[in-house]
Protein backbone atom coordinates (compact mmCIF):
# COMPACT_ATOMS: atom_id res chain seq x y z
CA UNK A 1 9.67 -22.95 4.49
CA UNK A 2 9.91 -24.59 1.04
CA UNK A 3 10.73 -23.28 -2.51
CA UNK A 4 12.73 -20.18 -1.31
CA UNK A 5 14.57 -18.44 -4.23
CA UNK A 6 17.11 -15.71 -4.36
CA UNK A 7 16.09 -12.41 -5.78
CA UNK A 8 17.51 -11.18 -9.08
CA UNK A 9 19.36 -8.02 -7.92
CA UNK A 10 19.54 -6.50 -11.37
CA UNK A 11 15.78 -5.99 -11.47
CA UNK A 12 15.68 -3.50 -8.62
CA UNK A 13 17.99 -0.73 -9.66
CA UNK A 14 15.15 1.62 -10.31
CA UNK A 15 13.60 0.83 -6.99
CA UNK A 16 16.81 1.61 -5.11
CA UNK A 17 16.25 5.16 -6.43
CA UNK A 18 12.67 5.20 -5.28
CA UNK A 19 12.96 3.74 -1.84
CA UNK A 20 16.54 3.35 -0.88
CA UNK A 21 16.04 -0.32 -0.09
CA UNK A 22 19.36 -1.78 1.05
CA UNK A 23 18.56 -5.35 1.74
CA UNK A 24 16.81 -8.04 -0.24
CA UNK A 25 16.99 -10.71 2.56
CA UNK A 26 15.66 -10.01 5.92
CA UNK A 27 15.89 -11.66 9.38
CA UNK A 28 12.40 -12.03 10.88
CA UNK A 29 11.74 -14.12 14.01
CA UNK A 30 14.96 -16.00 13.37
CA UNK A 31 13.95 -16.96 9.73
CA UNK A 32 16.04 -15.77 6.81
CA UNK A 33 13.58 -15.19 3.87
CA UNK A 34 14.03 -14.58 0.24
CA UNK A 35 10.96 -13.45 -1.70
CA UNK A 36 11.36 -13.60 -5.47
CA UNK A 37 10.18 -16.01 -8.13
CA UNK A 38 8.07 -18.27 -5.92
CA UNK A 39 4.79 -19.94 -6.93
CA UNK A 40 1.81 -20.95 -4.75
CA UNK A 41 -1.02 -23.00 -6.01
CA UNK A 42 -3.44 -21.21 -3.78
CA UNK A 43 -2.59 -18.20 -1.54
CA UNK A 44 0.48 -16.08 -0.93
CA UNK A 45 3.03 -16.54 -3.78
CA UNK A 46 5.83 -14.96 -1.72
CA UNK A 47 4.42 -14.92 1.80
CA UNK A 48 1.47 -16.31 3.64
CA UNK A 49 0.47 -14.98 6.91
CA UNK A 50 -2.40 -16.96 8.56
CA UNK A 51 -4.66 -17.02 11.58
CA UNK A 52 -3.01 -15.51 14.77
CA UNK A 53 0.41 -15.52 13.07
CA UNK A 54 2.68 -12.45 13.56
CA UNK A 55 5.04 -11.18 10.88
CA UNK A 56 7.31 -8.11 10.98
CA UNK A 57 9.05 -7.52 7.73
CA UNK A 58 11.50 -4.72 7.07
CA UNK A 59 13.86 -3.89 4.15
CA UNK A 60 12.54 -6.60 1.84
CA UNK A 61 11.47 -7.00 -1.75
CA UNK A 62 8.62 -9.25 -3.01
CA UNK A 63 8.83 -9.66 -6.69
CA UNK A 64 7.88 -12.01 -9.56
CA UNK A 65 5.87 -14.27 -7.33
CA UNK A 66 2.65 -15.99 -8.47
CA UNK A 67 -0.46 -17.23 -6.58
CA UNK A 68 -3.12 -19.46 -8.08
CA UNK A 69 -5.74 -17.77 -5.96
CA UNK A 70 -5.08 -14.61 -3.80
CA UNK A 71 -2.02 -12.52 -2.96
CA UNK A 72 0.52 -12.86 -5.68
CA UNK A 73 3.21 -11.21 -3.45
CA UNK A 74 1.69 -11.67 -0.04
CA UNK A 75 -1.51 -13.07 1.50
CA UNK A 76 -2.46 -11.98 5.07
CA UNK A 77 -5.48 -13.93 6.19
CA UNK A 78 -7.60 -14.40 9.34
CA UNK A 79 -10.85 -16.34 9.69
CA UNK A 80 -12.54 -13.63 11.81
CA UNK A 81 -11.57 -10.39 13.48
CA UNK A 82 -11.01 -12.40 16.70
CA UNK A 83 -8.56 -14.58 14.80
CA UNK A 84 -6.76 -11.81 13.01
CA UNK A 85 -3.06 -12.20 12.06
CA UNK A 86 -0.68 -9.41 12.97
CA UNK A 87 1.43 -8.00 10.17
CA UNK A 88 3.89 -5.02 9.86
CA UNK A 89 5.81 -4.32 6.74
CA UNK A 90 8.13 -1.27 6.43
CA UNK A 91 10.68 0.01 3.90
CA UNK A 92 9.76 -2.57 1.24
CA UNK A 93 8.97 -3.14 -2.45
CA UNK A 94 6.14 -5.29 -3.75
CA UNK A 95 6.54 -5.43 -7.53
CA UNK A 96 5.90 -7.65 -10.49
CA UNK A 97 3.66 -10.14 -8.81
CA UNK A 98 0.57 -11.79 -10.18
CA UNK A 99 -2.51 -13.42 -8.61
CA UNK A 100 -4.92 -15.42 -10.68
CA UNK A 101 -7.78 -14.05 -8.49
CA UNK A 102 -7.53 -11.16 -6.10
CA UNK A 103 -4.69 -9.08 -4.73
CA UNK A 104 -1.98 -9.09 -7.37
CA UNK A 105 0.53 -7.50 -4.87
CA UNK A 106 -1.13 -8.09 -1.47
CA UNK A 107 -4.29 -9.71 -0.30
CA UNK A 108 -5.70 -8.86 3.14
CA UNK A 109 -8.68 -10.63 4.72
CA UNK A 110 -10.27 -10.39 8.23
CA UNK A 111 -7.43 -8.26 9.60
CA UNK A 112 -7.36 -5.26 11.78
CA UNK A 113 -3.66 -5.42 12.45
CA UNK A 114 -1.96 -4.75 9.10
CA UNK A 115 0.45 -1.78 9.05
CA UNK A 116 2.15 -0.96 5.68
CA UNK A 117 4.64 1.92 5.91
CA UNK A 118 7.09 3.22 3.32
CA UNK A 119 6.29 0.63 0.73
CA UNK A 120 6.28 0.76 -3.09
CA UNK A 121 3.51 -1.43 -4.55
CA UNK A 122 3.95 -1.27 -8.38
CA UNK A 123 3.70 -3.33 -11.45
CA UNK A 124 1.42 -6.03 -9.90
CA UNK A 125 -1.61 -7.58 -11.66
CA UNK A 126 -4.60 -9.87 -11.36
CA UNK A 127 -5.80 -12.10 -14.11
CA UNK A 128 -9.45 -12.65 -13.21
CA UNK A 129 -10.10 -10.77 -9.97
CA UNK A 130 -9.94 -7.32 -8.43
CA UNK A 131 -7.18 -5.37 -6.48
CA UNK A 132 -4.23 -5.15 -8.77
CA UNK A 133 -2.00 -3.62 -6.06
CA UNK A 134 -4.00 -4.53 -2.91
CA UNK A 135 -7.23 -6.33 -2.28
CA UNK A 136 -8.49 -5.58 1.28
CA UNK A 137 -11.51 -7.82 2.38
CA UNK A 138 -13.30 -7.24 5.63
CA UNK A 139 -10.16 -5.58 7.05
CA UNK A 140 -8.77 -2.35 8.21
CA UNK A 141 -5.22 -1.78 7.02
CA UNK A 142 -3.20 1.38 7.67
CA UNK A 143 -1.21 2.54 4.79
CA UNK A 144 1.24 5.43 5.26
CA UNK A 145 3.83 6.87 2.84
CA UNK A 146 2.98 4.23 0.24
CA UNK A 147 3.17 4.41 -3.49
CA UNK A 148 0.50 2.53 -5.48
CA UNK A 149 1.57 2.88 -9.12
CA UNK A 150 1.25 1.06 -12.38
CA UNK A 151 -0.84 -1.86 -11.15
CA UNK A 152 -3.50 -3.60 -13.26
CA UNK A 153 -6.70 -5.33 -12.34
CA UNK A 154 -8.72 -7.21 -14.97
CA UNK A 155 -11.83 -6.21 -12.89
CA UNK A 156 -12.04 -3.45 -10.22
CA UNK A 157 -9.52 -1.59 -8.15
CA UNK A 158 -6.26 -1.26 -10.03
CA UNK A 159 -4.41 0.32 -7.21
CA UNK A 160 -6.48 -0.94 -4.27
CA UNK A 161 -9.89 -2.62 -3.80
CA UNK A 162 -11.50 -1.96 -0.36
CA UNK A 163 -14.32 -4.11 0.97
CA UNK A 164 -15.31 -3.34 4.59
CA UNK A 165 -18.32 -4.87 6.24
CA UNK A 166 -20.64 -2.52 8.02
CA UNK A 167 -20.34 -4.26 11.41
CA UNK A 168 -16.68 -3.32 11.67
CA UNK A 169 -15.66 -0.57 14.13
CA UNK A 170 -12.23 -0.16 12.53
CA UNK A 171 -11.18 2.29 9.80
CA UNK A 172 -9.11 1.59 6.68
CA UNK A 173 -6.69 4.51 6.61
CA UNK A 174 -4.58 5.84 3.68
CA UNK A 175 -2.44 8.67 4.78
CA UNK A 176 0.28 10.30 2.64
CA UNK A 177 -0.31 7.79 -0.16
CA UNK A 178 0.22 8.42 -3.85
CA UNK A 179 -2.09 6.39 -6.14
CA UNK A 180 -1.25 6.86 -9.82
CA UNK A 181 -1.00 5.12 -13.17
CA UNK A 182 -3.18 2.19 -12.20
CA UNK A 183 -5.59 0.54 -14.65
CA UNK A 184 -8.85 -1.42 -13.97
CA UNK A 185 -12.31 -1.80 -15.60
CA UNK A 186 -13.65 0.28 -12.72
CA UNK A 187 -11.88 2.26 -9.91
CA UNK A 188 -8.51 2.34 -11.59
CA UNK A 189 -7.06 4.08 -8.57
CA UNK A 190 -9.35 3.10 -5.65
CA UNK A 191 -12.39 0.92 -5.62
CA UNK A 192 -14.58 0.85 -2.50
CA UNK A 193 -17.15 -1.82 -2.51
CA UNK A 194 -18.84 -0.93 0.84
CA UNK A 195 -20.53 1.80 2.64
CA UNK A 196 -18.45 2.08 5.73
CA UNK A 197 -15.24 3.42 7.30
CA UNK A 198 -12.57 4.40 4.88
CA UNK A 199 -10.38 7.49 5.42
CA UNK A 200 -7.99 8.94 2.78
CA UNK A 201 -5.92 11.94 3.90
CA UNK A 202 -2.92 13.92 2.62
CA UNK A 203 -2.87 11.71 -0.51
CA UNK A 204 -2.65 12.06 -4.36
CA UNK A 205 -4.96 10.18 -6.48
CA UNK A 206 -4.12 11.12 -10.06
CA UNK A 207 -3.52 9.63 -13.50
CA UNK A 208 -5.39 6.46 -13.02
CA UNK A 209 -7.94 4.97 -15.46
CA UNK A 210 -10.61 6.27 -13.15
CA UNK A 211 -9.71 7.83 -9.67
CA UNK A 212 -12.13 6.77 -7.01
CA UNK A 213 -15.23 4.57 -7.16
CA UNK A 214 -17.28 4.36 -4.02
CA UNK A 215 -17.58 6.99 -1.26
CA UNK A 216 -14.68 7.00 1.06
CA UNK A 217 -14.06 10.07 3.35
CA UNK A 218 -11.37 12.11 1.45
CA UNK A 219 -9.65 14.97 3.20
CA UNK A 220 -6.90 17.30 2.24
CA UNK A 221 -6.08 15.36 -0.91
CA UNK A 222 -5.27 16.04 -4.54
CA UNK A 223 -7.70 14.11 -6.76
CA UNK A 224 -7.95 14.44 -10.57
CA UNK A 225 -11.33 15.74 -11.56
CA UNK A 226 -11.98 16.83 -7.96
CA UNK A 227 -13.64 15.10 -4.94
CA UNK A 228 -15.99 16.25 -2.22
CA UNK A 229 -14.21 16.74 1.08
CA UNK A 230 -12.48 19.30 3.31
CA UNK A 231 -9.30 20.63 1.82
CA UNK A 232 -9.41 18.64 -1.35
CA UNK A 233 -8.06 20.17 -4.69
CA UNK A 234 -7.92 19.06 -8.33
CA UNK A 235 -4.79 20.99 -9.26
CA UNK A 236 -2.14 18.99 -11.15
CA UNK A 237 0.43 17.59 -8.61
CA UNK A 238 3.21 18.06 -11.30
CA UNK A 239 4.84 14.59 -11.02
CA UNK A 240 8.37 14.41 -12.41
CA UNK A 241 7.33 11.57 -14.85
CA UNK A 242 3.70 10.60 -15.00
CA UNK A 243 3.13 7.37 -16.99
CA UNK A 244 -0.25 6.79 -18.60
CA UNK A 245 -2.53 4.22 -16.98
CA UNK A 246 -2.56 2.26 -20.25
CA UNK A 247 1.13 1.27 -19.54
CA UNK A 248 0.04 -0.77 -16.55
CA UNK A 249 1.36 -3.16 -15.30
CA UNK A 250 4.59 -1.21 -15.23
CA UNK A 251 7.20 -0.05 -12.79
CA UNK A 252 8.21 3.01 -14.89
CA UNK A 253 7.54 6.60 -13.79
CA UNK A 254 8.89 9.10 -11.25
CA UNK A 255 6.24 10.26 -8.80
CA UNK A 256 8.22 12.84 -6.99
CA UNK A 257 6.77 16.35 -7.47
CA UNK A 258 8.16 19.40 -9.18
CA UNK A 259 9.04 22.57 -7.31
CA UNK A 260 5.81 24.32 -8.20
CA UNK A 261 3.60 21.39 -7.09
CA UNK A 262 0.47 22.25 -4.92
CA UNK A 263 1.34 19.25 -2.84
CA UNK A 264 4.30 20.86 -1.21
CA UNK A 265 3.61 22.10 2.43
CA UNK A 266 -0.07 21.51 1.83
CA UNK A 267 -0.60 18.47 4.19
CA UNK A 268 -2.10 18.39 7.64
CA UNK A 269 0.18 16.78 10.18
CA UNK A 270 -2.60 16.03 12.54
CA UNK A 271 -3.60 13.14 10.29
CA UNK A 272 -0.22 11.62 10.35
CA UNK A 273 -0.05 8.46 12.55
CA UNK A 274 3.25 9.18 14.30
CA UNK A 275 1.98 8.10 17.75
CA UNK A 276 0.36 4.91 19.08
CA UNK A 277 -2.61 6.96 20.16
CA UNK A 278 -3.18 8.38 16.57
CA UNK A 279 -2.88 4.90 15.08
CA UNK A 280 -5.12 3.04 17.47
CA UNK A 281 -8.05 5.58 17.03
CA UNK A 282 -10.76 3.64 15.54
CA UNK A 283 -8.76 0.40 15.48
CA UNK A 284 -10.17 -2.63 17.33
CA UNK A 285 -8.80 -6.02 18.31
CA UNK A 286 -5.27 -5.49 17.17
CA UNK A 287 -2.61 -7.99 18.07
CA UNK A 288 0.16 -5.38 17.46
CA UNK A 289 1.48 -4.12 20.73
CA UNK A 290 2.49 -0.56 21.51
CA UNK A 291 6.12 -1.68 21.94
CA UNK A 292 6.03 -3.29 18.44
CA UNK A 293 4.51 -0.14 16.91
CA UNK A 294 7.06 2.11 18.57
CA UNK A 295 10.01 -0.15 17.47
CA UNK A 296 8.98 -1.25 13.95
CA UNK A 297 6.77 1.53 12.65
CA UNK A 298 7.60 4.87 14.26
CA UNK A 299 11.29 5.06 13.11
CA UNK A 300 10.12 4.64 9.51
CA UNK A 301 7.57 7.38 9.83
CA UNK A 302 10.42 9.86 10.20
CA UNK A 303 11.07 9.53 6.53
CA UNK A 304 9.12 9.73 3.31
CA UNK A 305 9.12 6.86 0.69
CA UNK A 306 12.46 8.03 -0.82
CA UNK A 307 14.29 8.06 2.50
CA UNK A 308 14.19 11.81 2.95
CA UNK A 309 12.90 13.66 5.97
CA UNK A 310 9.19 13.34 6.14
CA UNK A 311 8.68 17.04 7.08
CA UNK A 312 10.69 19.90 5.43
CA UNK A 313 9.78 23.52 5.50
CA UNK A 314 7.84 23.10 8.67
CA UNK A 315 4.73 21.45 7.10
CA UNK A 316 4.14 17.98 5.75
CA UNK A 317 3.49 17.53 2.02
CA UNK A 318 0.59 15.69 0.35
CA UNK A 319 1.53 12.33 -1.13
CA UNK A 320 4.19 9.66 -0.46
CA UNK A 321 7.09 12.04 -1.35
CA UNK A 322 8.35 15.08 0.58
CA UNK A 323 9.79 17.70 -1.73
């Protein structure tokens, strides 16, 4: 692996407070990786996961990377769902990355086996394409306890751009995700450029340039301006420090909630993917094994994005943070 650079530790003081990340270098499959300040002419400024490859990354930060095409921080690419790479990332930060085209933070393509858990995706941007935080193309990623904040797209999908082709039998799932302070020409928070299979549950979509474009299934969420779906509300979630979307790209803000927030004890735990059976529902052709999910995902699901217990007071909260 060429052009590996050490991370500038001073840049991550604020993210220690958000995520309690303790390591900036990880051991994965015997390879020690650093993930800051790299440049790729094409895809994957910090990390490139290709056909049938398997990566499990924990306790890592991807920052200040650049890609000339897709995936400023990371690019996870298959050529078809039968040649889909396997990717797990947990307890991580993806911040300050830039893609010339799509996926400022993360680009995912032809993949039914991407699991992103307890990850801050903030302050990323695209120059000419969509998906400031994440661009998901013909894929079905699972995001749980994720903060998508302060990302910028020059086109659509400041927080996340989702394109899922109608022949897929897999679901894109966002559960206990906070999407806020993102900026784009359309779909500042979430842009869904398809007509099929996206579920958003127990999540907060608030304070983006626009909240949701497209028609995902949204259930038990807080959405600014309201959104059709069971259990949704448009009450202010009362963030500690909401930054305006016009600040994007930025890593400022504090998206924990105040004591009177309607997010507290308002989630539905049945949606939380804390078992293999829950996660594999509507997921096809995954290369991730049950043993890998149990070892590398489930332990992190015990905690919210800040490192506190995921459930307090008997009921799960809405959003990435537990009060």
